[in-house]
Amino acid sequence: RMRDELGVTGLVVTHDMTSAFRVADR
């Protein structure tokens, strides 16, 4: 929602692949 509604550029660090697959473009 932050990406789509606010247009922010996001950088997520995580070890949770399920989450990474959901949120990341790359």
PDB file of all heavy atoms in Angstrom:
ATOM      1  N   ARG A   1       0.826  -1.208   0.000  1.00  0.00           N
ATOM      2  CA  ARG A   1       0.000   0.000   0.000  1.00  0.00           C
ATOM      3  C   ARG A   1       0.862   1.260   0.000  1.00  0.00           C
ATOM      4  O   ARG A   1       0.537   2.244  -0.662  1.00  0.00           O
ATOM      5  CB  ARG A   1      -0.912  -0.026   1.229  1.00  0.00           C
ATOM      6  CG  ARG A   1      -1.983   1.045   1.223  1.00  0.00           C
ATOM      7  CD  ARG A   1      -2.918   0.864   2.410  1.00  0.00           C
ATOM      8  NE  ARG A   1      -4.017   1.799   2.367  1.00  0.00           N
ATOM      9  CZ  ARG A   1      -4.947   1.881   3.303  1.00  0.00           C
ATOM     10  NH1 ARG A   1      -4.905   1.068   4.366  1.00  0.00           N
ATOM     11  NH2 ARG A   1      -5.923   2.768   3.202  1.00  0.00           N
ATOM     12  N   MET A   2       1.979   1.214   0.717  1.00  0.00           N
ATOM     13  CA  MET A   2       2.887   2.364   0.725  1.00  0.00           C
ATOM     14  C   MET A   2       3.427   2.629  -0.682  1.00  0.00           C
ATOM     15  O   MET A   2       3.548   3.782  -1.114  1.00  0.00           O
ATOM     16  CB  MET A   2       4.055   2.126   1.681  1.00  0.00           C
ATOM     17  CG  MET A   2       3.689   1.915   3.144  1.00  0.00           C
ATOM     18  SD  MET A   2       2.691   3.232   3.872  1.00  0.00           S
ATOM     19  CE  MET A   2       1.067   2.446   3.951  1.00  0.00           C
ATOM     20  N   ARG A   3       3.740   1.570  -1.395  1.00  0.00           N
ATOM     21  CA  ARG A   3       4.229   1.724  -2.765  1.00  0.00           C
ATOM     22  C   ARG A   3       3.129   2.227  -3.695  1.00  0.00           C
ATOM     23  O   ARG A   3       3.326   3.172  -4.469  1.00  0.00           O
ATOM     24  CB  ARG A   3       4.759   0.391  -3.280  1.00  0.00           C
ATOM     25  CG  ARG A   3       5.333   0.429  -4.694  1.00  0.00           C
ATOM     26  CD  ARG A   3       5.496  -0.962  -5.269  1.00  0.00           C
ATOM     27  NE  ARG A   3       4.192  -1.603  -5.477  1.00  0.00           N
ATOM     28  CZ  ARG A   3       4.036  -2.880  -5.817  1.00  0.00           C
ATOM     29  NH1 ARG A   3       5.102  -3.653  -5.954  1.00  0.00           N
ATOM     30  NH2 ARG A   3       2.831  -3.385  -5.990  1.00  0.00           N
ATOM     31  N   ASP A   4       1.965   1.598  -3.618  1.00  0.00           N
ATOM     32  CA  ASP A   4       0.922   1.873  -4.601  1.00  0.00           C
ATOM     33  C   ASP A   4       0.194   3.191  -4.348  1.00  0.00           C
ATOM     34  O   ASP A   4      -0.151   3.904  -5.299  1.00  0.00           O
ATOM     35  CB  ASP A   4      -0.090   0.720  -4.617  1.00  0.00           C
ATOM     36  CG  ASP A   4       0.528  -0.594  -5.061  1.00  0.00           C
ATOM     37  OD1 ASP A   4       1.596  -0.555  -5.703  1.00  0.00           O
ATOM     38  OD2 ASP A   4      -0.039  -1.654  -4.749  1.00  0.00           O
ATOM     39  N   GLU A   5      -0.039   3.530  -3.068  1.00  0.00           N
ATOM     40  CA  GLU A   5      -0.809   4.737  -2.760  1.00  0.00           C
ATOM     41  C   GLU A   5       0.071   5.960  -2.516  1.00  0.00           C
ATOM     42  O   GLU A   5      -0.330   7.085  -2.836  1.00  0.00           O
ATOM     43  CB  GLU A   5      -1.714   4.503  -1.550  1.00  0.00           C
ATOM     44  CG  GLU A   5      -2.790   3.454  -1.800  1.00  0.00           C
ATOM     45  CD  GLU A   5      -3.793   3.369  -0.666  1.00  0.00           C
ATOM     46  OE1 GLU A   5      -3.869   4.317   0.149  1.00  0.00           O
ATOM     47  OE2 GLU A   5      -4.495   2.350  -0.587  1.00  0.00           O
ATOM     48  N   LEU A   6       1.255   5.748  -1.953  1.00  0.00           N
ATOM     49  CA  LEU A   6       2.133   6.876  -1.647  1.00  0.00           C
ATOM     50  C   LEU A   6       3.253   7.028  -2.670  1.00  0.00           C
ATOM     51  O   LEU A   6       3.925   8.065  -2.695  1.00  0.00           O
ATOM     52  CB  LEU A   6       2.734   6.723  -0.248  1.00  0.00           C
ATOM     53  CG  LEU A   6       1.743   6.604   0.917  1.00  0.00           C
ATOM     54  CD1 LEU A   6       2.496   6.526   2.235  1.00  0.00           C
ATOM     55  CD2 LEU A   6       0.754   7.758   0.918  1.00  0.00           C
ATOM     56  N   GLY A   7       3.493   6.010  -3.483  1.00  0.00           N
ATOM     57  CA  GLY A   7       4.531   6.088  -4.504  1.00  0.00           C
ATOM     58  C   GLY A   7       5.947   6.045  -3.961  1.00  0.00           C
ATOM     59  O   GLY A   7       6.872   6.479  -4.644  1.00  0.00           O
ATOM     60  N   VAL A   8       6.121   5.524  -2.747  1.00  0.00           N
ATOM     61  CA  VAL A   8       7.457   5.512  -2.168  1.00  0.00           C
ATOM     62  C   VAL A   8       8.290   4.382  -2.777  1.00  0.00           C
ATOM     63  O   VAL A   8       7.766   3.373  -3.245  1.00  0.00           O
ATOM     64  CB  VAL A   8       7.422   5.351  -0.633  1.00  0.00           C
ATOM     65  CG1 VAL A   8       6.713   6.518   0.024  1.00  0.00           C
ATOM     66  CG2 VAL A   8       6.787   4.038  -0.240  1.00  0.00           C
ATOM     67  N   THR A   9       9.590   4.589  -2.757  1.00  0.00           N
ATOM     68  CA  THR A   9      10.550   3.562  -3.147  1.00  0.00           C
ATOM     69  C   THR A   9      10.941   2.800  -1.888  1.00  0.00           C
ATOM     70  O   THR A   9      11.339   3.408  -0.893  1.00  0.00           O
ATOM     71  CB  THR A   9      11.786   4.204  -3.795  1.00  0.00           C
ATOM     72  OG1 THR A   9      11.370   4.941  -4.947  1.00  0.00           O
ATOM     73  CG2 THR A   9      12.801   3.146  -4.199  1.00  0.00           C
ATOM     74  N   GLY A  10      10.817   1.482  -1.909  1.00  0.00           N
ATOM     75  CA  GLY A  10      11.040   0.698  -0.699  1.00  0.00           C
ATOM     76  C   GLY A  10      12.216  -0.249  -0.814  1.00  0.00           C
ATOM     77  O   GLY A  10      12.487  -0.804  -1.882  1.00  0.00           O
ATOM     78  N   LEU A  11      12.918  -0.416   0.301  1.00  0.00           N
ATOM     79  CA  LEU A  11      13.988  -1.406   0.404  1.00  0.00           C
ATOM     80  C   LEU A  11      13.741  -2.211   1.673  1.00  0.00           C
ATOM     81  O   LEU A  11      13.762  -1.667   2.773  1.00  0.00           O
ATOM     82  CB  LEU A  11      15.356  -0.739   0.449  1.00  0.00           C
ATOM     83  CG  LEU A  11      16.565  -1.670   0.602  1.00  0.00           C
ATOM     84  CD1 LEU A  11      16.597  -2.721  -0.496  1.00  0.00           C
ATOM     85  CD2 LEU A  11      17.861  -0.867   0.616  1.00  0.00           C
ATOM     86  N   VAL A  12      13.482  -3.509   1.496  1.00  0.00           N
ATOM     87  CA  VAL A  12      13.159  -4.404   2.599  1.00  0.00           C
ATOM     88  C   VAL A  12      14.320  -5.366   2.807  1.00  0.00           C
ATOM     89  O   VAL A  12      14.798  -5.977   1.840  1.00  0.00           O
ATOM     90  CB  VAL A  12      11.884  -5.221   2.294  1.00  0.00           C
ATOM     91  CG1 VAL A  12      11.529  -6.141   3.469  1.00  0.00           C
ATOM     92  CG2 VAL A  12      10.720  -4.303   1.946  1.00  0.00           C
ATOM     93  N   VAL A  13      14.795  -5.515   4.031  1.00  0.00           N
ATOM     94  CA  VAL A  13      15.733  -6.596   4.332  1.00  0.00           C
ATOM     95  C   VAL A  13      14.986  -7.614   5.187  1.00  0.00           C
ATOM     96  O   VAL A  13      14.296  -7.262   6.143  1.00  0.00           O
ATOM     97  CB  VAL A  13      17.025  -6.105   5.025  1.00  0.00           C
ATOM     98  CG1 VAL A  13      17.758  -5.106   4.150  1.00  0.00           C
ATOM     99  CG2 VAL A  13      16.763  -5.525   6.388  1.00  0.00           C
ATOM    100  N   THR A  14      15.102  -8.880   4.808  1.00  0.00           N
ATOM    101  CA  THR A  14      14.315  -9.910   5.472  1.00  0.00           C
ATOM    102  C   THR A  14      14.931 -11.282   5.239  1.00  0.00           C
ATOM    103  O   THR A  14      15.679 -11.488   4.279  1.00  0.00           O
ATOM    104  CB  THR A  14      12.860  -9.899   4.950  1.00  0.00           C
ATOM    105  OG1 THR A  14      12.080 -10.853   5.668  1.00  0.00           O
ATOM    106  CG2 THR A  14      12.798 -10.211   3.457  1.00  0.00           C
ATOM    107  N   HIS A  15      14.623 -12.221   6.126  1.00  0.00           N
ATOM    108  CA  HIS A  15      14.945 -13.621   5.863  1.00  0.00           C
ATOM    109  C   HIS A  15      13.681 -14.411   5.562  1.00  0.00           C
ATOM    110  O   HIS A  15      13.726 -15.623   5.396  1.00  0.00           O
ATOM    111  CB  HIS A  15      15.694 -14.241   7.056  1.00  0.00           C
ATOM    112  CG  HIS A  15      14.915 -14.214   8.333  1.00  0.00           C
ATOM    113  ND1 HIS A  15      15.072 -13.231   9.285  1.00  0.00           N
ATOM    114  CD2 HIS A  15      13.972 -15.049   8.817  1.00  0.00           C
ATOM    115  CE1 HIS A  15      14.267 -13.469  10.299  1.00  0.00           C
ATOM    116  NE2 HIS A  15      13.580 -14.564  10.041  1.00  0.00           N
ATOM    117  N   ASP A  16      12.553 -13.703   5.453  1.00  0.00           N
ATOM    118  CA  ASP A  16      11.244 -14.316   5.232  1.00  0.00           C
ATOM    119  C   ASP A  16      10.944 -14.318   3.732  1.00  0.00           C
ATOM    120  O   ASP A  16      10.530 -13.311   3.162  1.00  0.00           O
ATOM    121  CB  ASP A  16      10.190 -13.516   6.008  1.00  0.00           C
ATOM    122  CG  ASP A  16       8.790 -14.103   5.905  1.00  0.00           C
ATOM    123  OD1 ASP A  16       8.534 -14.909   4.992  1.00  0.00           O
ATOM    124  OD2 ASP A  16       7.940 -13.729   6.734  1.00  0.00           O
ATOM    125  N   MET A  17      11.159 -15.458   3.073  1.00  0.00           N
ATOM    126  CA  MET A  17      10.967 -15.514   1.627  1.00  0.00           C
ATOM    127  C   MET A  17       9.506 -15.376   1.236  1.00  0.00           C
ATOM    128  O   MET A  17       9.194 -14.811   0.185  1.00  0.00           O
ATOM    129  CB  MET A  17      11.539 -16.811   1.063  1.00  0.00           C
ATOM    130  CG  MET A  17      13.051 -16.849   0.989  1.00  0.00           C
ATOM    131  SD  MET A  17      13.799 -15.434   0.093  1.00  0.00           S
ATOM    132  CE  MET A  17      12.940 -15.499  -1.480  1.00  0.00           C
ATOM    133  N   THR A  18       8.596 -15.875   2.041  1.00  0.00           N
ATOM    134  CA  THR A  18       7.174 -15.718   1.720  1.00  0.00           C
ATOM    135  C   THR A  18       6.827 -14.240   1.634  1.00  0.00           C
ATOM    136  O   THR A  18       6.144 -13.791   0.700  1.00  0.00           O
ATOM    137  CB  THR A  18       6.301 -16.411   2.782  1.00  0.00           C
ATOM    138  OG1 THR A  18       6.614 -17.804   2.821  1.00  0.00           O
ATOM    139  CG2 THR A  18       4.831 -16.234   2.462  1.00  0.00           C
ATOM    140  N   SER A  19       7.299 -13.466   2.598  1.00  0.00           N
ATOM    141  CA  SER A  19       7.069 -12.025   2.594  1.00  0.00           C
ATOM    142  C   SER A  19       7.766 -11.357   1.409  1.00  0.00           C
ATOM    143  O   SER A  19       7.184 -10.513   0.716  1.00  0.00           O
ATOM    144  CB  SER A  19       7.569 -11.417   3.911  1.00  0.00           C
ATOM    145  OG  SER A  19       7.407 -10.023   3.908  1.00  0.00           O
ATOM    146  N   ALA A  20       9.007 -11.737   1.140  1.00  0.00           N
ATOM    147  CA  ALA A  20       9.751 -11.141   0.030  1.00  0.00           C
ATOM    148  C   ALA A  20       9.035 -11.363  -1.293  1.00  0.00           C
ATOM    149  O   ALA A  20       8.941 -10.455  -2.131  1.00  0.00           O
ATOM    150  CB  ALA A  20      11.165 -11.702  -0.026  1.00  0.00           C
ATOM    151  N   PHE A  21       8.522 -12.574  -1.506  1.00  0.00           N
ATOM    152  CA  PHE A  21       7.810 -12.854  -2.747  1.00  0.00           C
ATOM    153  C   PHE A  21       6.539 -12.013  -2.867  1.00  0.00           C
ATOM    154  O   PHE A  21       6.128 -11.652  -3.964  1.00  0.00           O
ATOM    155  CB  PHE A  21       7.462 -14.340  -2.837  1.00  0.00           C
ATOM    156  CG  PHE A  21       8.617 -15.223  -3.230  1.00  0.00           C
ATOM    157  CD1 PHE A  21       8.835 -16.430  -2.583  1.00  0.00           C
ATOM    158  CD2 PHE A  21       9.486 -14.857  -4.242  1.00  0.00           C
ATOM    159  CE1 PHE A  21       9.893 -17.251  -2.947  1.00  0.00           C
ATOM    160  CE2 PHE A  21      10.558 -15.665  -4.612  1.00  0.00           C
ATOM    161  CZ  PHE A  21      10.760 -16.866  -3.968  1.00  0.00           C
ATOM    162  N   ARG A  22       5.914 -11.695  -1.736  1.00  0.00           N
ATOM    163  CA  ARG A  22       4.688 -10.899  -1.775  1.00  0.00           C
ATOM    164  C   ARG A  22       4.956  -9.435  -2.124  1.00  0.00           C
ATOM    165  O   ARG A  22       4.213  -8.824  -2.898  1.00  0.00           O
ATOM    166  CB  ARG A  22       3.982 -10.940  -0.417  1.00  0.00           C
ATOM    167  CG  ARG A  22       3.201 -12.185  -0.100  1.00  0.00           C
ATOM    168  CD  ARG A  22       2.243 -11.894   1.055  1.00  0.00           C
ATOM    169  NE  ARG A  22       1.718 -13.109   1.636  1.00  0.00           N
ATOM    170  CZ  ARG A  22       2.016 -13.559   2.844  1.00  0.00           C
ATOM    171  NH1 ARG A  22       2.854 -12.891   3.616  1.00  0.00           N
ATOM    172  NH2 ARG A  22       1.480 -14.665   3.297  1.00  0.00           N
ATOM    173  N   VAL A  23       5.997  -8.862  -1.540  1.00  0.00           N
ATOM    174  CA  VAL A  23       6.124  -7.400  -1.584  1.00  0.00           C
ATOM    175  C   VAL A  23       7.120  -6.884  -2.614  1.00  0.00           C
ATOM    176  O   VAL A  23       7.049  -5.712  -3.012  1.00  0.00           O
ATOM    177  CB  VAL A  23       6.509  -6.834  -0.205  1.00  0.00           C
ATOM    178  CG1 VAL A  23       5.515  -7.277   0.860  1.00  0.00           C
ATOM    179  CG2 VAL A  23       7.935  -7.207   0.192  1.00  0.00           C
ATOM    180  N   ALA A  24       8.054  -7.710  -3.061  1.00  0.00           N
ATOM    181  CA  ALA A  24       9.195  -7.177  -3.814  1.00  0.00           C
ATOM    182  C   ALA A  24       8.987  -7.246  -5.320  1.00  0.00           C
ATOM    183  O   ALA A  24       8.475  -8.230  -5.858  1.00  0.00           O
ATOM    184  CB  ALA A  24      10.468  -7.936  -3.441  1.00  0.00           C
ATOM    185  N   ASP A  25       9.418  -6.191  -5.988  1.00  0.00           N
ATOM    186  CA  ASP A  25       9.524  -6.200  -7.440  1.00  0.00           C
ATOM    187  C   ASP A  25      10.795  -6.921  -7.871  1.00  0.00           C
ATOM    188  O   ASP A  25      10.827  -7.561  -8.921  1.00  0.00           O
ATOM    189  CB  ASP A  25       9.545  -4.770  -7.987  1.00  0.00           C
ATOM    190  CG  ASP A  25       8.273  -4.003  -7.644  1.00  0.00           C
ATOM    191  OD1 ASP A  25       7.199  -4.432  -8.100  1.00  0.00           O
ATOM    192  OD2 ASP A  25       8.356  -3.001  -6.909  1.00  0.00           O
ATOM    193  N   ARG A  26      11.843  -6.801  -7.054  1.00  0.00           N
ATOM    194  CA  ARG A  26      13.098  -7.503  -7.297  1.00  0.00           C
ATOM    195  C   ARG A  26      13.683  -7.957  -5.971  1.00  0.00           C
ATOM    196  O   ARG A  26      13.482  -7.313  -4.949  1.00  0.00           O
ATOM    197  CB  ARG A  26      14.109  -6.610  -8.046  1.00  0.00           C
ATOM    198  CG  ARG A  26      13.753  -6.418  -9.503  1.00  0.00           C
ATOM    199  CD  ARG A  26      14.825  -5.689 -10.284  1.00  0.00           C
ATOM    200  NE  ARG A  26      15.149  -4.409  -9.687  1.00  0.00           N
ATOM    201  CZ  ARG A  26      16.318  -4.128  -9.130  1.00  0.00           C
ATOM    202  NH1 ARG A  26      17.275  -5.020  -9.060  1.00  0.00           N
ATOM    203  NH2 ARG A  26      16.539  -2.927  -8.627  1.00  0.00           N
TER     204      ARG A  26
END
